[in-house]
Amino acid sequence: MFDKARILFQLERTRVLSLQMIERVPQEKWFEMPMGITHVAWNVGHMAIAEYFLGMVFIRGPKENDTQFVPENYADLFGYNSVAHSDPQVYPSPIEILDTLDKIHQQLLLETRAMPTAELNDPCLFLEGEFDHHPIFEQKGGALEWLAYHEHVHIGTIGLLRRELGARPIEYFQESRAGKRFTQ
């Protein structure tokens, strides 16, 4: 039912789009909350921790060595039901957040490539308590597919924040004609 090559393509392509949106917001503005709700830093950190839980914990369970690429405080700072704070001192720096985002993504791609395709149809390894299921998917392939959709929500949020911070609309067609690629 699930196409592993397609899932990997979507995860990789979505990350290209995410990074191209993220790079359009100056890092000194990452903690500004123009609507009083969220900021770029929280969205980027949330993409990282969501990728870890949806793409690794629900697929193969947590592992001791996960702390090599997932800081212990990320679930509290950026996880489900966390709240963005405007004080940058609460958070890692934008560089650290981007580094963690990349480390988790590279590990996810490594593990997904190594996973037998038939395993995508297996049920997820949900946790006890609040995360004992997911309302969107039940199977591992569904969790991986959902990751790309989830990240697109945050691309849109970062785009809206970018505009609220005073940036002009992105001229994708003009940029494309000038040679900028949105798929690599």
Protein backbone atom coordinates (compact mmCIF):
# COMPACT_ATOMS: atom_id res chain seq x y z
CA MET A 1 0.00 0.00 0.00
CA PHE A 2 2.82 2.43 0.80
CA ASP A 3 5.48 3.45 -1.73
CA LYS A 4 8.79 3.88 0.11
CA ALA A 5 10.50 5.66 -2.79
CA ARG A 6 7.63 8.14 -2.98
CA ILE A 7 7.69 8.70 0.79
CA LEU A 8 11.44 9.41 0.69
CA PHE A 9 10.98 11.74 -2.27
CA GLN A 10 8.26 13.68 -0.42
CA LEU A 11 10.34 13.92 2.78
CA GLU A 12 13.37 15.18 0.87
CA ARG A 13 11.46 17.60 -1.34
CA THR A 14 9.43 18.97 1.53
CA ARG A 15 12.61 19.69 3.47
CA VAL A 16 14.03 21.61 0.49
CA LEU A 17 10.90 23.78 0.47
CA SER A 18 11.04 24.20 4.26
CA LEU A 19 14.64 25.34 4.22
CA GLN A 20 13.99 27.74 1.35
CA MET A 21 11.17 29.33 3.35
CA ILE A 22 13.15 29.35 6.61
CA GLU A 23 16.16 31.02 4.98
CA ARG A 24 13.90 33.90 3.92
CA VAL A 25 13.44 34.98 7.54
CA PRO A 26 16.47 36.72 9.08
CA GLN A 27 17.57 34.84 12.18
CA GLU A 28 17.39 38.00 14.28
CA LYS A 29 13.60 37.94 13.66
CA TRP A 30 13.09 34.27 14.56
CA PHE A 31 11.72 35.02 18.03
CA GLU A 32 9.41 37.88 17.08
CA MET A 33 5.73 37.08 17.53
CA PRO A 34 3.85 39.54 15.28
CA MET A 35 0.51 37.87 15.96
CA GLY A 36 1.31 37.04 19.58
CA ILE A 37 0.94 33.29 19.00
CA THR A 38 4.10 31.72 17.60
CA HIS A 39 7.45 32.47 16.02
CA VAL A 40 9.76 30.97 13.43
CA ALA A 41 12.07 29.36 16.00
CA TRP A 42 9.20 27.42 17.55
CA ASN A 43 7.97 26.22 14.15
CA VAL A 44 11.42 25.03 13.08
CA GLY A 45 12.03 23.31 16.42
CA HIS A 46 8.57 21.75 16.23
CA MET A 47 9.29 20.38 12.76
CA ALA A 48 12.40 18.74 14.21
CA ILE A 49 10.76 17.13 17.24
CA ALA A 50 7.72 16.07 15.21
CA GLU A 51 9.99 14.38 12.69
CA TYR A 52 11.68 12.53 15.53
CA PHE A 53 8.44 11.28 17.10
CA LEU A 54 6.43 10.62 13.94
CA GLY A 55 9.30 9.27 11.86
CA MET A 56 11.37 7.40 14.43
CA VAL A 57 9.71 6.84 17.81
CA PHE A 58 6.41 5.67 16.30
CA ILE A 59 8.33 3.58 13.75
CA ARG A 60 11.04 1.85 15.80
CA GLY A 61 10.55 3.12 19.34
CA PRO A 62 12.89 5.45 21.26
CA LYS A 63 16.58 4.48 21.49
CA GLU A 64 19.19 5.44 24.05
CA ASN A 65 21.53 6.94 21.46
CA ASP A 66 18.77 9.27 20.16
CA THR A 67 20.22 11.93 22.46
CA GLN A 68 23.07 12.21 19.94
CA PHE A 69 20.75 14.10 17.61
CA VAL A 70 17.72 15.07 19.77
CA PRO A 71 18.40 17.36 22.74
CA GLU A 72 16.46 16.29 25.83
CA ASN A 73 14.60 19.59 26.20
CA TYR A 74 13.19 19.65 22.64
CA ALA A 75 9.96 17.83 23.51
CA ASP A 76 9.25 20.41 26.24
CA LEU A 77 10.24 23.39 24.09
CA PHE A 78 8.75 22.36 20.77
CA GLY A 79 6.59 19.27 21.24
CA TYR A 80 2.86 18.72 21.14
CA ASN A 81 1.04 21.23 23.36
CA SER A 82 4.16 23.35 23.95
CA VAL A 83 3.68 27.12 23.85
CA ALA A 84 5.97 29.58 22.08
CA HIS A 85 7.63 32.23 24.26
CA SER A 86 9.03 35.48 22.91
CA ASP A 87 12.14 35.33 25.13
CA PRO A 88 14.99 33.98 22.97
CA GLN A 89 16.87 32.96 26.13
CA VAL A 90 14.36 30.12 26.59
CA TYR A 91 15.48 28.52 23.32
CA PRO A 92 18.59 27.28 21.58
CA SER A 93 19.96 29.65 18.94
CA PRO A 94 18.61 29.51 15.38
CA ILE A 95 21.87 27.84 14.29
CA GLU A 96 21.45 25.13 16.94
CA ILE A 97 17.81 24.59 16.01
CA LEU A 98 18.73 24.25 12.31
CA ASP A 99 21.54 21.86 13.20
CA THR A 100 19.15 19.68 15.19
CA LEU A 101 16.58 19.83 12.38
CA ASP A 102 19.24 18.58 9.96
CA LYS A 103 20.58 15.84 12.25
CA ILE A 104 17.12 14.42 12.87
CA HIS A 105 16.27 14.59 9.18
CA GLN A 106 19.47 12.82 8.12
CA GLN A 107 18.87 10.08 10.71
CA LEU A 108 15.26 9.71 9.58
CA LEU A 109 16.30 9.31 5.95
CA LEU A 110 18.99 6.78 6.91
CA GLU A 111 16.56 4.68 8.94
CA THR A 112 13.75 4.93 6.39
CA ARG A 113 16.04 3.83 3.56
CA ALA A 114 17.18 0.84 5.65
CA MET A 115 13.63 -0.18 6.61
CA PRO A 116 12.18 -3.15 4.72
CA THR A 117 9.36 -1.89 2.51
CA ALA A 118 6.91 -4.46 3.88
CA GLU A 119 7.36 -2.94 7.36
CA LEU A 120 5.58 0.23 6.18
CA ASN A 121 2.31 -1.69 6.55
CA ASP A 122 3.03 -2.64 10.18
CA PRO A 123 1.22 -0.84 12.98
CA CYS A 124 2.99 2.09 14.61
CA LEU A 125 4.66 1.69 17.98
CA PHE A 126 2.61 4.24 19.84
CA LEU A 127 3.53 5.28 23.36
CA GLU A 128 1.53 5.00 26.56
CA GLY A 129 -0.66 7.86 27.71
CA GLU A 130 -1.53 10.75 25.45
CA PHE A 131 0.39 9.34 22.48
CA ASP A 132 -1.24 5.89 22.50
CA HIS A 133 -2.56 6.50 18.96
CA HIS A 134 -2.64 9.12 16.23
CA PRO A 135 -5.91 10.44 14.77
CA ILE A 136 -4.56 10.45 11.19
CA PHE A 137 -2.71 7.13 10.76
CA GLU A 138 -2.17 3.70 12.29
CA GLN A 139 0.59 2.24 10.12
CA LYS A 140 4.27 3.14 9.91
CA GLY A 141 3.95 4.17 6.26
CA GLY A 142 1.11 6.49 7.24
CA ALA A 143 3.28 8.13 9.91
CA LEU A 144 6.02 8.78 7.36
CA GLU A 145 3.56 10.13 4.80
CA TRP A 146 1.99 12.38 7.41
CA LEU A 147 5.40 13.90 8.19
CA ALA A 148 5.54 15.68 4.85
CA TYR A 149 1.97 16.97 5.21
CA HIS A 150 2.66 18.15 8.76
CA GLU A 151 5.79 19.98 7.66
CA HIS A 152 3.86 21.76 4.91
CA VAL A 153 1.55 23.21 7.56
CA HIS A 154 4.60 24.74 9.22
CA ILE A 155 6.02 25.99 5.91
CA GLY A 156 2.76 27.92 5.56
CA THR A 157 2.95 29.22 9.12
CA ILE A 158 6.54 30.40 8.60
CA GLY A 159 5.45 32.04 5.34
CA LEU A 160 2.65 33.88 7.14
CA LEU A 161 5.03 34.97 9.93
CA ARG A 162 7.46 36.18 7.27
CA ARG A 163 4.76 38.38 5.72
CA GLU A 164 3.62 39.63 9.15
CA LEU A 165 7.24 40.61 9.82
CA GLY A 166 7.07 42.88 6.77
CA ALA A 167 8.49 40.78 3.94
CA ARG A 168 7.10 41.02 0.44
CA PRO A 169 5.39 38.02 -1.22
CA ILE A 170 7.74 35.48 -2.74
CA GLU A 171 7.88 35.65 -6.53
CA TYR A 172 8.28 31.91 -7.14
CA PHE A 173 7.73 32.07 -10.89
CA GLN A 174 10.20 34.92 -11.36
CA GLU A 175 12.76 33.16 -9.16
CA SER A 176 12.23 29.94 -11.08
CA ARG A 177 12.74 31.67 -14.43
CA ALA A 178 15.95 33.17 -13.00
CA GLY A 179 17.25 29.68 -12.18
CA LYS A 180 16.29 29.05 -8.55
CA ARG A 181 15.27 25.43 -8.11
CA PHE A 182 12.56 24.41 -5.67
CA THR A 183 12.93 20.65 -6.03
CA GLN A 184 16.58 19.90 -5.21
